[in-house]
Amino acid sequence: MQSPSCTRAATFAAAASFALAMATAASAATLPFAGTFSIRLAAESPDPGAGSFDVTVSLTGSGVALVNGSGGGLHVNSLALAGGEIAGTASTPITGASALQALLVSGANGAGSFAGLSGGPPGGGAMPVLGQAKACLFGACASAVANLVVPLNVVGQGGAATVMDGPGVVGLTVVGAPWTTGAASVSGVTGMGFARGPLSGTSTTAQGSGVVRLVTPIFISTVIPDFPVIPGIGTLTLHFIPEPATLVLLGGGVGALLLGARRRPARISGAAGSAPLARRRPRAGRRA
């Protein structure tokens, strides 16, 4: 037999999930989100004296995602983002590599759409990153001797982009691929995507507090002898924000549960197989 506290906890969890589902269903076509786009680059030089590095640069933003077209549902069957909702410039120093001193990323997400993100096999789709990354050589980016400019337009989109190093000489090539909620790996650098809802439920991603993380591999080849190959992973994380209606409905459900628990009389169990007995205060004995 479950104790009253266990029963109240189970009832609370069920009511909270129901409140979230009802509030989300009313506005499941659009969900506000807080988002992060990050690029991780990691490489080890074939020359032991040149060192190695592993750095991550992130951009943040927020916006509204169009989820499941114009219909509702808790699985994220499709998701679309407008361009420019995650944008900015960020940099980080590089330590451990003699030639590369800093990484600077400046850009924004392009418009994109994704399909099959939750409730089944890994899904994904194409969304380009508009901008560039700079690997600053022999100094901070503001005072670098030179910059290795990496175009990002193929990242998350697919294809290859080249930067020429003089007439007829390819100085750098970037190869990209679409985004996935599964695994991405390139030259030993890996990333893992996922889609999940509150309490890590995979069938409630489209609720407030749901999270979609997509990853994409990045392969960079250069003419720099110390780092001829620089692999990387792009990561896009969208955290859906509960709307005010969701919070009000959830708060009302929690309040009703707490009030009901407070008003319920305390009970104790009788003998095995008998009905619970109401707790009674013992009477004081009469004096002789």
Protein backbone atom coordinates (compact mmCIF):
# COMPACT_ATOMS: atom_id res chain seq x y z
CA MET A 1 0.00 0.00 0.00
CA GLN A 2 1.37 3.41 -0.96
CA SER A 3 1.78 5.96 1.79
CA PRO A 4 -0.27 9.20 1.62
CA SER A 5 2.93 11.16 0.84
CA CYS A 6 3.76 8.89 -2.11
CA THR A 7 0.21 9.20 -3.42
CA ARG A 8 0.33 13.00 -3.15
CA ALA A 9 3.72 13.07 -4.94
CA ALA A 10 2.38 10.92 -7.79
CA THR A 11 -0.73 13.10 -8.07
CA PHE A 12 1.40 16.24 -8.11
CA ALA A 13 3.62 14.88 -10.92
CA ALA A 14 0.61 13.85 -13.01
CA ALA A 15 -1.12 17.20 -12.52
CA ALA A 16 2.03 19.15 -13.36
CA SER A 17 2.52 17.18 -16.58
CA PHE A 18 -1.14 17.64 -17.50
CA ALA A 19 -0.95 21.39 -16.88
CA LEU A 20 2.14 21.72 -19.06
CA ALA A 21 0.57 19.64 -21.81
CA MET A 22 -2.67 21.63 -21.82
CA ALA A 23 -0.94 25.01 -21.84
CA THR A 24 1.50 23.97 -24.55
CA ALA A 25 -1.19 22.46 -26.76
CA ALA A 26 -2.91 25.85 -26.90
CA SER A 27 0.16 27.48 -28.46
CA ALA A 28 2.22 24.57 -29.78
CA ALA A 29 2.68 26.15 -33.22
CA THR A 30 5.19 28.68 -31.90
CA LEU A 31 7.55 28.29 -28.96
CA PRO A 32 9.89 30.98 -27.62
CA PHE A 33 13.42 29.78 -27.01
CA ALA A 34 16.81 30.78 -25.65
CA GLY A 35 19.53 29.51 -27.97
CA THR A 36 23.27 28.93 -28.13
CA PHE A 37 25.46 28.28 -31.14
CA SER A 38 28.99 27.09 -30.43
CA ILE A 39 32.00 26.00 -32.43
CA ARG A 40 34.57 23.66 -30.97
CA LEU A 41 37.88 23.25 -32.78
CA ALA A 42 40.48 20.76 -31.60
CA ALA A 43 43.71 19.68 -33.25
CA GLU A 44 47.08 18.14 -32.49
CA SER A 45 50.07 19.11 -34.59
CA PRO A 46 52.11 16.41 -36.34
CA ASP A 47 55.10 18.30 -34.94
CA PRO A 48 55.24 17.61 -31.17
CA GLY A 49 56.92 20.96 -30.63
CA ALA A 50 53.98 22.85 -32.16
CA GLY A 51 51.55 21.67 -29.50
CA SER A 52 47.80 21.12 -29.60
CA PHE A 53 44.60 22.99 -28.73
CA ASP A 54 40.94 22.44 -27.91
CA VAL A 55 38.77 25.58 -27.74
CA THR A 56 35.07 26.47 -27.87
CA VAL A 57 33.46 29.79 -28.78
CA SER A 58 29.73 30.39 -28.24
CA LEU A 59 27.14 32.90 -29.44
CA THR A 60 23.76 33.31 -27.74
CA GLY A 61 20.35 34.63 -28.71
CA SER A 62 16.63 34.12 -28.44
CA GLY A 63 13.59 34.00 -30.67
CA VAL A 64 10.50 32.03 -31.59
CA ALA A 65 10.58 28.63 -33.29
CA LEU A 66 7.77 27.40 -35.54
CA VAL A 67 7.15 23.87 -34.27
CA ASN A 68 5.17 21.17 -36.13
CA GLY A 69 3.96 23.60 -38.77
CA SER A 70 0.57 24.98 -37.78
CA GLY A 71 -0.48 21.98 -35.68
CA GLY A 72 0.08 20.92 -32.09
CA GLY A 73 1.70 17.85 -30.63
CA LEU A 74 4.38 17.12 -28.07
CA HIS A 75 6.82 15.38 -30.40
CA VAL A 76 8.87 17.85 -32.43
CA ASN A 77 8.09 16.54 -35.90
CA SER A 78 9.36 19.70 -37.56
CA LEU A 79 10.99 22.92 -36.46
CA ALA A 80 11.84 26.10 -38.37
CA LEU A 81 14.00 29.06 -37.35
CA ALA A 82 14.19 32.51 -38.88
CA GLY A 83 17.62 33.88 -39.68
CA GLY A 84 19.57 36.10 -37.30
CA GLU A 85 18.03 34.96 -34.02
CA ILE A 86 21.37 33.78 -32.66
CA ALA A 87 24.05 36.29 -33.57
CA GLY A 88 27.10 38.13 -32.28
CA THR A 89 30.87 38.09 -31.94
CA ALA A 90 32.90 36.18 -29.37
CA SER A 91 36.51 35.13 -28.95
CA THR A 92 38.67 32.97 -26.74
CA PRO A 93 42.44 32.63 -26.34
CA ILE A 94 44.18 29.50 -27.59
CA THR A 95 46.77 27.98 -25.30
CA GLY A 96 49.10 25.12 -26.11
CA ALA A 97 49.63 25.93 -29.80
CA SER A 98 52.67 27.96 -30.72
CA ALA A 99 51.27 29.54 -33.90
CA LEU A 100 47.56 29.93 -33.09
CA GLN A 101 46.88 32.43 -30.30
CA ALA A 102 43.13 33.12 -30.38
CA LEU A 103 39.88 32.14 -32.06
CA LEU A 104 37.26 34.75 -32.95
CA VAL A 105 33.80 33.89 -34.31
CA SER A 106 31.47 36.47 -35.82
CA GLY A 107 28.19 35.45 -37.39
CA ALA A 108 24.54 34.52 -37.14
CA ASN A 109 22.29 31.60 -37.95
CA GLY A 110 20.66 31.57 -41.34
CA ALA A 111 17.06 30.48 -41.84
CA GLY A 112 16.69 26.73 -41.50
CA SER A 113 14.30 23.87 -40.92
CA PHE A 114 14.60 20.47 -39.27
CA ALA A 115 12.45 17.33 -39.26
CA GLY A 116 11.97 14.20 -37.16
CA LEU A 117 13.68 15.60 -34.10
CA SER A 118 11.95 13.58 -31.36
CA GLY A 119 9.98 10.40 -30.87
CA GLY A 120 11.99 8.32 -33.34
CA PRO A 121 15.39 7.91 -35.05
CA PRO A 122 17.73 10.95 -35.10
CA GLY A 123 16.44 13.76 -37.28
CA GLY A 124 17.93 17.01 -38.52
CA GLY A 125 18.11 19.38 -41.43
CA ALA A 126 20.02 22.22 -43.04
CA MET A 127 20.66 25.66 -41.55
CA PRO A 128 23.73 27.64 -42.64
CA VAL A 129 25.88 29.71 -40.33
CA LEU A 130 26.43 33.13 -41.86
CA GLY A 131 29.78 34.59 -40.89
CA GLN A 132 33.37 33.61 -40.34
CA ALA A 133 35.87 32.39 -37.80
CA LYS A 134 39.38 33.79 -37.44
CA ALA A 135 42.31 31.85 -36.11
CA CYS A 136 44.70 34.60 -35.07
CA LEU A 137 48.38 33.85 -35.65
CA PHE A 138 51.24 34.79 -33.32
CA GLY A 139 49.22 37.24 -31.22
CA ALA A 140 45.80 38.33 -29.98
CA CYS A 141 43.32 39.03 -32.76
CA ALA A 142 43.71 42.81 -32.41
CA SER A 143 47.48 42.56 -32.94
CA ALA A 144 47.88 39.30 -34.85
CA VAL A 145 50.59 39.00 -37.50
CA ALA A 146 47.98 37.34 -39.72
CA ASN A 147 44.55 35.75 -39.50
CA LEU A 148 43.43 32.40 -40.83
CA VAL A 149 39.92 33.27 -42.02
CA VAL A 150 37.47 30.36 -42.03
CA PRO A 151 34.15 30.90 -43.87
CA LEU A 152 31.22 29.31 -42.02
CA ASN A 153 28.50 29.30 -44.68
CA VAL A 154 28.84 25.56 -45.31
CA VAL A 155 28.67 24.70 -41.60
CA GLY A 156 25.25 23.15 -40.94
CA GLN A 157 24.38 23.43 -44.63
CA GLY A 158 26.73 21.03 -46.38
CA GLY A 159 29.26 21.39 -49.17
CA ALA A 160 32.75 22.86 -49.30
CA ALA A 161 34.18 26.39 -49.29
CA THR A 162 37.71 27.44 -50.17
CA VAL A 163 39.89 30.42 -49.40
CA MET A 164 42.65 31.16 -51.90
CA ASP A 165 46.21 31.87 -50.78
CA GLY A 166 47.37 33.65 -53.88
CA PRO A 167 46.56 33.04 -57.57
CA GLY A 168 45.65 29.41 -58.11
CA VAL A 169 46.71 28.38 -54.59
CA VAL A 170 44.13 27.01 -52.17
CA GLY A 171 44.99 28.18 -48.68
CA LEU A 172 42.11 26.63 -46.79
CA THR A 173 39.11 24.38 -47.36
CA VAL A 174 36.08 23.98 -45.09
CA VAL A 175 33.72 21.02 -45.46
CA GLY A 176 30.32 21.08 -43.74
CA ALA A 177 27.26 18.88 -43.32
CA PRO A 178 23.63 19.29 -42.20
CA TRP A 179 22.61 19.23 -38.52
CA THR A 180 21.54 16.09 -36.67
CA THR A 181 20.13 15.14 -33.27
CA GLY A 182 22.30 12.03 -33.47
CA ALA A 183 26.09 11.79 -33.30
CA ALA A 184 28.64 13.77 -35.32
CA SER A 185 32.31 12.84 -35.49
CA VAL A 186 35.31 14.03 -37.47
CA SER A 187 38.95 13.04 -36.90
CA GLY A 188 38.35 12.04 -33.30
CA VAL A 189 36.29 15.09 -32.31
CA THR A 190 32.72 14.10 -31.49
CA GLY A 191 29.42 15.68 -30.50
CA MET A 192 26.03 14.25 -29.55
CA GLY A 193 22.62 15.78 -30.16
CA PHE A 194 19.30 15.00 -28.53
CA ALA A 195 15.70 16.15 -28.16
CA ARG A 196 13.90 15.85 -24.83
CA GLY A 197 11.19 17.46 -22.77
CA PRO A 198 10.73 18.18 -19.07
CA LEU A 199 12.13 15.44 -16.81
CA SER A 200 14.06 14.18 -19.87
CA GLY A 201 10.91 12.77 -21.50
CA THR A 202 11.57 12.11 -25.20
CA SER A 203 7.88 12.44 -26.10
CA THR A 204 7.37 15.91 -24.58
CA THR A 205 10.04 17.96 -26.37
CA ALA A 206 7.56 20.58 -27.57
CA GLN A 207 6.61 21.54 -24.03
CA GLY A 208 8.07 24.50 -22.19
CA SER A 209 11.49 23.51 -20.77
CA GLY A 210 12.03 21.09 -23.66
CA VAL A 211 15.49 21.11 -25.25
CA VAL A 212 16.66 20.35 -28.79
CA ARG A 213 20.39 20.00 -29.40
CA LEU A 214 21.73 19.52 -32.91
CA VAL A 215 25.33 18.92 -33.92
CA THR A 216 27.27 19.10 -37.18
CA PRO A 217 30.83 18.07 -38.13
CA ILE A 218 33.35 20.64 -39.39
CA PHE A 219 36.48 19.66 -41.33
CA ILE A 220 39.13 22.28 -42.08
CA SER A 221 42.30 21.68 -44.11
CA THR A 222 44.97 24.39 -44.22
CA VAL A 223 48.42 25.13 -45.65
CA ILE A 224 49.80 25.75 -42.15
CA PRO A 225 52.45 23.04 -41.62
CA ASP A 226 51.82 22.87 -37.87
CA PHE A 227 48.07 22.28 -38.30
CA PRO A 228 47.24 20.90 -41.75
CA VAL A 229 43.93 19.50 -40.46
CA ILE A 230 41.64 21.14 -37.90
CA PRO A 231 38.50 19.14 -37.06
CA GLY A 232 35.58 20.65 -35.21
CA ILE A 233 31.95 20.31 -34.09
CA GLY A 234 29.18 22.88 -34.34
CA THR A 235 26.45 22.71 -31.70
CA LEU A 236 23.03 24.38 -31.76
CA THR A 237 21.02 24.23 -28.53
CA LEU A 238 17.44 25.49 -28.24
CA HIS A 239 15.84 25.66 -24.79
CA PHE A 240 12.09 26.23 -25.04
CA ILE A 241 10.82 28.76 -22.52
CA PRO A 242 7.47 28.18 -20.76
CA GLU A 243 5.04 30.92 -21.75
CA PRO A 244 3.11 32.89 -19.07
CA ALA A 245 -0.05 30.85 -19.68
CA THR A 246 1.91 27.68 -18.94
CA LEU A 247 3.27 29.07 -15.68
CA VAL A 248 -0.16 30.31 -14.55
CA LEU A 249 -1.84 27.00 -15.29
CA LEU A 250 0.94 25.03 -13.65
CA GLY A 251 0.91 27.31 -10.61
CA GLY A 252 -2.86 26.97 -10.26
CA GLY A 253 -2.64 23.19 -10.41
CA VAL A 254 0.11 23.10 -7.80
CA GLY A 255 -1.84 25.44 -5.52
CA ALA A 256 -4.97 23.31 -5.74
CA LEU A 257 -2.99 20.20 -4.91
CA LEU A 258 -1.36 21.81 -1.89
CA LEU A 259 -4.70 23.15 -0.63
CA GLY A 260 -6.32 19.75 -1.03
CA ALA A 261 -3.46 18.05 0.81
CA ARG A 262 -3.74 20.55 3.67
CA ARG A 263 -7.49 20.03 4.08
CA ARG A 264 -7.34 16.24 3.90
CA PRO A 265 -7.69 14.74 7.42
CA ALA A 266 -4.80 12.71 8.73
CA ARG A 267 -5.38 8.97 8.58
CA ILE A 268 -3.79 5.91 10.08
CA SER A 269 -3.98 2.34 8.90
CA GLY A 270 -5.90 -0.27 10.84
CA ALA A 271 -5.24 -3.98 10.92
CA ALA A 272 -4.21 -5.80 7.76
CA GLY A 273 -7.09 -5.94 5.32
CA SER A 274 -9.21 -3.44 7.25
CA ALA A 275 -10.21 0.07 6.17
CA PRO A 276 -8.11 3.01 7.41
CA LEU A 277 -9.23 4.46 10.72
CA ALA A 278 -9.57 8.17 11.44
CA ARG A 279 -7.09 9.35 14.03
CA ARG A 280 -8.87 10.18 17.30
CA ARG A 281 -7.60 11.97 20.37
CA PRO A 282 -7.70 9.63 23.43
CA ARG A 283 -10.06 10.66 26.24
CA ALA A 284 -8.65 11.60 29.61
CA GLY A 285 -9.54 9.03 32.34
CA ARG A 286 -11.95 10.01 35.09
CA ARG A 287 -10.65 10.57 38.57
CA ALA A 288 -11.89 8.23 41.30
